[in-house]
PDB file of N, CA and C in Angstrom:
ATOM      1  N   UNK A   1       7.025  25.107   5.743  1.00  0.00           N
ATOM      2  CA  UNK A   1       7.961  24.490   6.987  1.00  0.00           C
ATOM      3  C   UNK A   1       8.004  25.386   7.875  1.00  0.00           C
ATOM      4  N   UNK A   2       7.525  24.915   9.155  1.00  0.00           N
ATOM      5  CA  UNK A   2       7.677  25.415  10.804  1.00  0.00           C
ATOM      6  C   UNK A   2       9.005  26.111  11.332  1.00  0.00           C
ATOM      7  N   UNK A   3       8.729  26.949  11.606  1.00  0.00           N
ATOM      8  CA  UNK A   3       9.364  27.570  12.469  1.00  0.00           C
ATOM      9  C   UNK A   3       9.256  27.841  13.884  1.00  0.00           C
ATOM     10  N   UNK A   4      10.048  28.038  14.682  1.00  0.00           N
ATOM     11  CA  UNK A   4      10.302  28.369  15.876  1.00  0.00           C
ATOM     12  C   UNK A   4      11.240  28.462  16.689  1.00  0.00           C
ATOM     13  N   UNK A   5      11.221  30.214  17.025  1.00  0.00           N
ATOM     14  CA  UNK A   5      12.108  31.138  17.760  1.00  0.00           C
ATOM     15  C   UNK A   5      12.040  31.674  19.073  1.00  0.00           C
ATOM     16  N   UNK A   6      12.791  31.509  19.764  1.00  0.00           N
ATOM     17  CA  UNK A   6      12.185  32.194  21.094  1.00  0.00           C
ATOM     18  C   UNK A   6      13.812  33.264  21.617  1.00  0.00           C
ATOM     19  N   UNK A   7      13.185  33.706  22.996  1.00  0.00           N
ATOM     20  CA  UNK A   7      14.601  34.263  22.832  1.00  0.00           C
ATOM     21  C   UNK A   7      14.655  36.326  22.417  1.00  0.00           C
ATOM     22  N   UNK A   8      14.828  35.742  21.560  1.00  0.00           N
ATOM     23  CA  UNK A   8      14.840  37.444  20.433  1.00  0.00           C
ATOM     24  C   UNK A   8      13.650  37.907  19.614  1.00  0.00           C
ATOM     25  N   UNK A   9      12.334  36.934  19.789  1.00  0.00           N
ATOM     26  CA  UNK A   9      11.006  37.034  19.475  1.00  0.00           C
ATOM     27  C   UNK A   9       9.988  37.356  20.174  1.00  0.00           C
ATOM     28  N   UNK A  10       9.389  38.023  20.369  1.00  0.00           N
ATOM     29  CA  UNK A  10       7.774  38.483  21.254  1.00  0.00           C
ATOM     30  C   UNK A  10       6.868  37.117  20.398  1.00  0.00           C
ATOM     31  N   UNK A  11       6.569  36.555  21.371  1.00  0.00           N
ATOM     32  CA  UNK A  11       5.336  35.045  20.735  1.00  0.00           C
ATOM     33  C   UNK A  11       3.959  35.583  21.213  1.00  0.00           C
ATOM     34  N   UNK A  12       3.482  35.828  20.309  1.00  0.00           N
ATOM     35  CA  UNK A  12       1.711  35.464  21.067  1.00  0.00           C
ATOM     36  C   UNK A  12       1.081  34.813  22.198  1.00  0.00           C
ATOM     37  N   UNK A  13       0.517  35.270  23.263  1.00  0.00           N
ATOM     38  CA  UNK A  13      -0.235  34.603  23.895  1.00  0.00           C
ATOM     39  C   UNK A  13      -1.243  34.246  24.176  1.00  0.00           C
ATOM     40  N   UNK A  14      -1.863  33.247  24.172  1.00  0.00           N
ATOM     41  CA  UNK A  14      -3.463  33.045  24.215  1.00  0.00           C
ATOM     42  C   UNK A  14      -3.591  33.411  25.593  1.00  0.00           C
ATOM     43  N   UNK A  15      -4.653  34.192  26.019  1.00  0.00           N
ATOM     44  CA  UNK A  15      -4.960  34.215  27.453  1.00  0.00           C
ATOM     45  C   UNK A  15      -6.683  33.437  28.027  1.00  0.00           C
ATOM     46  N   UNK A  16      -6.962  32.907  26.919  1.00  0.00           N
ATOM     47  CA  UNK A  16      -8.241  32.604  27.351  1.00  0.00           C
ATOM     48  C   UNK A  16      -9.092  31.493  25.987  1.00  0.00           C
ATOM     49  N   UNK A  17      -8.933  30.357  26.413  1.00  0.00           N
ATOM     50  CA  UNK A  17      -9.571  29.367  25.334  1.00  0.00           C
ATOM     51  C   UNK A  17     -11.113  29.324  25.582  1.00  0.00           C
ATOM     52  N   UNK A  18     -12.193  29.199  25.041  1.00  0.00           N
ATOM     53  CA  UNK A  18     -13.370  28.798  25.248  1.00  0.00           C
ATOM     54  C   UNK A  18     -13.979  27.720  24.078  1.00  0.00           C
ATOM     55  N   UNK A  19     -14.518  26.689  24.692  1.00  0.00           N
ATOM     56  CA  UNK A  19     -15.218  25.728  23.844  1.00  0.00           C
ATOM     57  C   UNK A  19     -16.200  25.372  25.055  1.00  0.00           C
ATOM     58  N   UNK A  20     -17.521  25.146  23.693  1.00  0.00           N
ATOM     59  CA  UNK A  20     -18.642  24.875  24.168  1.00  0.00           C
ATOM     60  C   UNK A  20     -19.030  23.326  24.833  1.00  0.00           C
ATOM     61  N   UNK A  21     -19.738  23.238  25.720  1.00  0.00           N
ATOM     62  CA  UNK A  21     -19.736  21.440  25.969  1.00  0.00           C
ATOM     63  C   UNK A  21     -18.470  21.042  25.974  1.00  0.00           C
ATOM     64  N   UNK A  22     -18.883  19.512  25.880  1.00  0.00           N
ATOM     65  CA  UNK A  22     -17.897  18.616  26.218  1.00  0.00           C
ATOM     66  C   UNK A  22     -17.153  18.017  24.937  1.00  0.00           C
ATOM     67  N   UNK A  23     -16.152  19.302  24.792  1.00  0.00           N
ATOM     68  CA  UNK A  23     -15.132  19.305  23.354  1.00  0.00           C
ATOM     69  C   UNK A  23     -14.030  18.404  24.269  1.00  0.00           C
ATOM     70  N   UNK A  24     -13.336  17.810  23.313  1.00  0.00           N
ATOM     71  CA  UNK A  24     -12.590  16.773  22.754  1.00  0.00           C
ATOM     72  C   UNK A  24     -11.668  17.111  21.419  1.00  0.00           C
ATOM     73  N   UNK A  25     -10.304  16.659  21.701  1.00  0.00           N
ATOM     74  CA  UNK A  25      -9.510  17.441  20.578  1.00  0.00           C
ATOM     75  C   UNK A  25     -10.214  15.998  19.478  1.00  0.00           C
ATOM     76  N   UNK A  26     -10.197  15.106  19.772  1.00  0.00           N
ATOM     77  CA  UNK A  26     -11.177  14.702  18.607  1.00  0.00           C
ATOM     78  C   UNK A  26     -12.209  14.979  17.930  1.00  0.00           C
ATOM     79  N   UNK A  27     -13.236  15.384  18.485  1.00  0.00           N
ATOM     80  CA  UNK A  27     -14.351  16.148  17.873  1.00  0.00           C
ATOM     81  C   UNK A  27     -14.139  17.678  17.375  1.00  0.00           C
ATOM     82  N   UNK A  28     -12.704  18.050  17.468  1.00  0.00           N
ATOM     83  CA  UNK A  28     -12.465  19.374  16.869  1.00  0.00           C
ATOM     84  C   UNK A  28     -12.687  18.919  15.083  1.00  0.00           C
ATOM     85  N   UNK A  29     -13.149  19.957  14.334  1.00  0.00           N
ATOM     86  CA  UNK A  29     -13.372  19.845  12.817  1.00  0.00           C
ATOM     87  C   UNK A  29     -11.665  19.734  12.094  1.00  0.00           C
ATOM     88  N   UNK A  30     -11.067  20.294  12.716  1.00  0.00           N
ATOM     89  CA  UNK A  30      -9.592  20.478  11.844  1.00  0.00           C
ATOM     90  C   UNK A  30      -8.669  19.904  12.214  1.00  0.00           C
ATOM     91  N   UNK A  31      -8.728  18.743  13.383  1.00  0.00           N
ATOM     92  CA  UNK A  31      -7.903  18.032  13.759  1.00  0.00           C
ATOM     93  C   UNK A  31      -8.144  16.676  13.712  1.00  0.00           C
ATOM     94  N   UNK A  32      -7.029  15.556  12.856  1.00  0.00           N
ATOM     95  CA  UNK A  32      -6.907  14.466  12.237  1.00  0.00           C
ATOM     96  C   UNK A  32      -6.313  13.726  13.353  1.00  0.00           C
ATOM     97  N   UNK A  33      -7.072  13.148  14.187  1.00  0.00           N
ATOM     98  CA  UNK A  33      -6.561  11.920  15.300  1.00  0.00           C
ATOM     99  C   UNK A  33      -5.920  10.618  14.562  1.00  0.00           C
ATOM    100  N   UNK A  34      -6.846  10.445  13.578  1.00  0.00           N
ATOM    101  CA  UNK A  34      -7.038   9.338  13.013  1.00  0.00           C
ATOM    102  C   UNK A  34      -6.099   8.547  12.488  1.00  0.00           C
ATOM    103  N   UNK A  35      -5.261   9.507  12.079  1.00  0.00           N
ATOM    104  CA  UNK A  35      -4.015   8.823  10.955  1.00  0.00           C
ATOM    105  C   UNK A  35      -3.179   8.648  11.645  1.00  0.00           C
ATOM    106  N   UNK A  36      -2.786   8.975  12.671  1.00  0.00           N
ATOM    107  CA  UNK A  36      -1.651   8.614  13.810  1.00  0.00           C
ATOM    108  C   UNK A  36      -1.979   8.276  15.185  1.00  0.00           C
ATOM    109  N   UNK A  37      -3.519   8.409  15.590  1.00  0.00           N
ATOM    110  CA  UNK A  37      -3.649   8.251  16.759  1.00  0.00           C
ATOM    111  C   UNK A  37      -3.186   9.242  17.601  1.00  0.00           C
ATOM    112  N   UNK A  38      -3.570   8.958  19.527  1.00  0.00           N
ATOM    113  CA  UNK A  38      -2.715   9.778  20.422  1.00  0.00           C
ATOM    114  C   UNK A  38      -1.896   9.174  20.735  1.00  0.00           C
ATOM    115  N   UNK A  39      -1.013   9.717  21.769  1.00  0.00           N
ATOM    116  CA  UNK A  39      -0.500   8.799  22.603  1.00  0.00           C
ATOM    117  C   UNK A  39       0.489   9.952  23.327  1.00  0.00           C
ATOM    118  N   UNK A  40       1.593   9.215  23.974  1.00  0.00           N
ATOM    119  CA  UNK A  40       2.016   9.976  25.538  1.00  0.00           C
ATOM    120  C   UNK A  40       3.390  10.623  24.189  1.00  0.00           C
ATOM    121  N   UNK A  41       3.502  12.255  24.299  1.00  0.00           N
ATOM    122  CA  UNK A  41       4.771  12.978  23.736  1.00  0.00           C
ATOM    123  C   UNK A  41       4.257  13.227  22.489  1.00  0.00           C
ATOM    124  N   UNK A  42       2.918  12.840  22.229  1.00  0.00           N
ATOM    125  CA  UNK A  42       2.637  13.412  20.682  1.00  0.00           C
ATOM    126  C   UNK A  42       2.119  14.858  20.683  1.00  0.00           C
ATOM    127  N   UNK A  43       2.446  15.484  19.302  1.00  0.00           N
ATOM    128  CA  UNK A  43       2.081  17.408  19.187  1.00  0.00           C
ATOM    129  C   UNK A  43       0.516  17.106  18.192  1.00  0.00           C
ATOM    130  N   UNK A  44       0.307  18.711  17.667  1.00  0.00           N
ATOM    131  CA  UNK A  44      -0.393  18.776  17.093  1.00  0.00           C
ATOM    132  C   UNK A  44       0.312  19.222  16.119  1.00  0.00           C
ATOM    133  N   UNK A  45       0.449  19.194  14.878  1.00  0.00           N
ATOM    134  CA  UNK A  45       0.980  19.305  14.115  1.00  0.00           C
ATOM    135  C   UNK A  45      -0.066  19.804  12.220  1.00  0.00           C
ATOM    136  N   UNK A  46       0.680  20.961  11.759  1.00  0.00           N
ATOM    137  CA  UNK A  46      -0.016  21.803  11.163  1.00  0.00           C
ATOM    138  C   UNK A  46       0.160  20.880   9.847  1.00  0.00           C
ATOM    139  N   UNK A  47      -0.533  20.509   8.747  1.00  0.00           N
ATOM    140  CA  UNK A  47      -0.068  19.817   7.680  1.00  0.00           C
ATOM    141  C   UNK A  47      -1.464  20.566   6.328  1.00  0.00           C
ATOM    142  N   UNK A  48      -0.484  21.686   5.828  1.00  0.00           N
ATOM    143  CA  UNK A  48      -1.001  22.998   4.974  1.00  0.00           C
ATOM    144  C   UNK A  48      -1.815  22.057   3.665  1.00  0.00           C
ATOM    145  N   UNK A  49      -1.053  21.024   3.281  1.00  0.00           N
ATOM    146  CA  UNK A  49      -1.927  20.786   1.761  1.00  0.00           C
ATOM    147  C   UNK A  49      -3.010  19.959   2.437  1.00  0.00           C
ATOM    148  N   UNK A  50      -3.662  19.580   3.690  1.00  0.00           N
ATOM    149  CA  UNK A  50      -4.930  19.238   3.791  1.00  0.00           C
ATOM    150  C   UNK A  50      -5.954  20.209   4.882  1.00  0.00           C
ATOM    151  N   UNK A  51      -4.809  21.417   4.877  1.00  0.00           N
ATOM    152  CA  UNK A  51      -5.846  22.496   5.914  1.00  0.00           C
ATOM    153  C   UNK A  51      -6.043  22.008   7.362  1.00  0.00           C
ATOM    154  N   UNK A  52      -5.557  20.632   8.118  1.00  0.00           N
ATOM    155  CA  UNK A  52      -5.497  20.224   9.519  1.00  0.00           C
ATOM    156  C   UNK A  52      -4.412  19.898  10.273  1.00  0.00           C
ATOM    157  N   UNK A  53      -4.490  19.832  11.481  1.00  0.00           N
ATOM    158  CA  UNK A  53      -3.523  19.522  12.396  1.00  0.00           C
ATOM    159  C   UNK A  53      -3.918  18.065  12.902  1.00  0.00           C
ATOM    160  N   UNK A  54      -2.817  17.349  12.275  1.00  0.00           N
ATOM    161  CA  UNK A  54      -2.589  15.903  12.643  1.00  0.00           C
ATOM    162  C   UNK A  54      -1.843  15.388  13.944  1.00  0.00           C
ATOM    163  N   UNK A  55      -2.406  14.980  14.221  1.00  0.00           N
ATOM    164  CA  UNK A  55      -1.511  14.050  15.949  1.00  0.00           C
ATOM    165  C   UNK A  55       0.389  13.344  15.070  1.00  0.00           C
ATOM    166  N   UNK A  56       1.397  13.446  16.294  1.00  0.00           N
ATOM    167  CA  UNK A  56       2.270  13.068  15.451  1.00  0.00           C
ATOM    168  C   UNK A  56       3.034  13.566  16.911  1.00  0.00           C
ATOM    169  N   UNK A  57       4.361  12.288  16.379  1.00  0.00           N
ATOM    170  CA  UNK A  57       5.508  12.517  17.361  1.00  0.00           C
ATOM    171  C   UNK A  57       6.808  12.622  16.592  1.00  0.00           C
ATOM    172  N   UNK A  58       6.975  12.951  15.165  1.00  0.00           N
ATOM    173  CA  UNK A  58       7.556  13.086  14.554  1.00  0.00           C
ATOM    174  C   UNK A  58       8.200  14.594  13.633  1.00  0.00           C
ATOM    175  N   UNK A  59       8.715  15.026  14.231  1.00  0.00           N
ATOM    176  CA  UNK A  59       8.694  16.595  13.291  1.00  0.00           C
ATOM    177  C   UNK A  59       9.438  16.575  12.410  1.00  0.00           C
ATOM    178  N   UNK A  60       9.120  16.904  10.861  1.00  0.00           N
ATOM    179  CA  UNK A  60       9.575  17.064   9.353  1.00  0.00           C
ATOM    180  C   UNK A  60      10.007  18.614   9.080  1.00  0.00           C
ATOM    181  N   UNK A  61      10.486  18.737   8.350  1.00  0.00           N
ATOM    182  CA  UNK A  61      10.467  20.136   8.041  1.00  0.00           C
ATOM    183  C   UNK A  61      10.435  21.241   9.309  1.00  0.00           C
ATOM    184  N   UNK A  62      11.173  20.951  10.013  1.00  0.00           N
ATOM    185  CA  UNK A  62      10.922  22.407  11.402  1.00  0.00           C
ATOM    186  C   UNK A  62      12.751  22.892  11.719  1.00  0.00           C
ATOM    187  N   UNK A  63      12.548  24.080  11.464  1.00  0.00           N
ATOM    188  CA  UNK A  63      13.890  24.850  12.306  1.00  0.00           C
ATOM    189  C   UNK A  63      13.110  25.291  13.600  1.00  0.00           C
ATOM    190  N   UNK A  64      14.115  24.903  14.657  1.00  0.00           N
ATOM    191  CA  UNK A  64      14.012  25.170  15.854  1.00  0.00           C
ATOM    192  C   UNK A  64      15.150  26.667  16.010  1.00  0.00           C
ATOM    193  N   UNK A  65      14.694  27.821  16.315  1.00  0.00           N
ATOM    194  CA  UNK A  65      15.860  28.827  16.682  1.00  0.00           C
ATOM    195  C   UNK A  65      16.019  29.127  18.036  1.00  0.00           C
ATOM    196  N   UNK A  66      17.096  28.951  18.722  1.00  0.00           N
ATOM    197  CA  UNK A  66      17.109  28.901  20.125  1.00  0.00           C
ATOM    198  C   UNK A  66      16.866  30.362  20.809  1.00  0.00           C
ATOM    199  N   UNK A  67      17.346  31.308  19.900  1.00  0.00           N
ATOM    200  CA  UNK A  67      17.644  32.791  19.696  1.00  0.00           C
ATOM    201  C   UNK A  67      19.160  33.236  19.976  1.00  0.00           C
ATOM    202  N   UNK A  68      19.129  33.959  21.289  1.00  0.00           N
ATOM    203  CA  UNK A  68      20.532  35.023  21.216  1.00  0.00           C
ATOM    204  C   UNK A  68      20.587  34.621  22.724  1.00  0.00           C
ATOM    205  N   UNK A  69      22.065  33.939  23.577  1.00  0.00           N
ATOM    206  CA  UNK A  69      21.905  33.935  24.270  1.00  0.00           C
ATOM    207  C   UNK A  69      23.315  33.997  25.259  1.00  0.00           C
ATOM    208  N   UNK A  70      23.251  34.728  26.041  1.00  0.00           N
ATOM    209  CA  UNK A  70      24.948  35.294  26.911  1.00  0.00           C
ATOM    210  C   UNK A  70      25.180  34.143  28.290  1.00  0.00           C
ATOM    211  N   UNK A  71      26.099  33.824  28.258  1.00  0.00           N
ATOM    212  CA  UNK A  71      26.603  33.314  29.868  1.00  0.00           C
ATOM    213  C   UNK A  71      27.898  33.516  30.081  1.00  0.00           C
ATOM    214  N   UNK A  72      27.738  34.311  31.270  1.00  0.00           N
ATOM    215  CA  UNK A  72      28.937  34.243  31.852  1.00  0.00           C
ATOM    216  C   UNK A  72      29.846  33.359  33.005  1.00  0.00           C
ATOM    217  N   UNK A  73      31.163  32.947  33.009  1.00  0.00           N
ATOM    218  CA  UNK A  73      31.305  32.223  33.852  1.00  0.00           C
ATOM    219  C   UNK A  73      31.451  32.949  35.288  1.00  0.00           C
ATOM    220  N   UNK A  74      31.368  32.568  36.554  1.00  0.00           N
ATOM    221  CA  UNK A  74      31.652  33.108  37.765  1.00  0.00           C
ATOM    222  C   UNK A  74      32.822  32.690  38.090  1.00  0.00           C
ATOM    223  N   UNK A  75      33.856  33.757  38.053  1.00  0.00           N
ATOM    224  CA  UNK A  75      35.206  33.773  38.425  1.00  0.00           C
ATOM    225  C   UNK A  75      35.424  33.113  40.158  1.00  0.00           C
TER     226      UNK A  75
END
């Protein structure tokens, strides 16, 4: 089950990604772009049963926690 948390958790940040040559997402060995194709708004979703990322525009088994927010209405 995927989980995303914002606000009260520090997220790791990637400062640099290096790919050699004319790499595209379709050429990466652990990414399946054939099953669902590519389209506007698609995401990479990890599939634990295949140990690969798959493209898709529907998220299943996802918990999104927006963190803790405090709002004060101006008087």
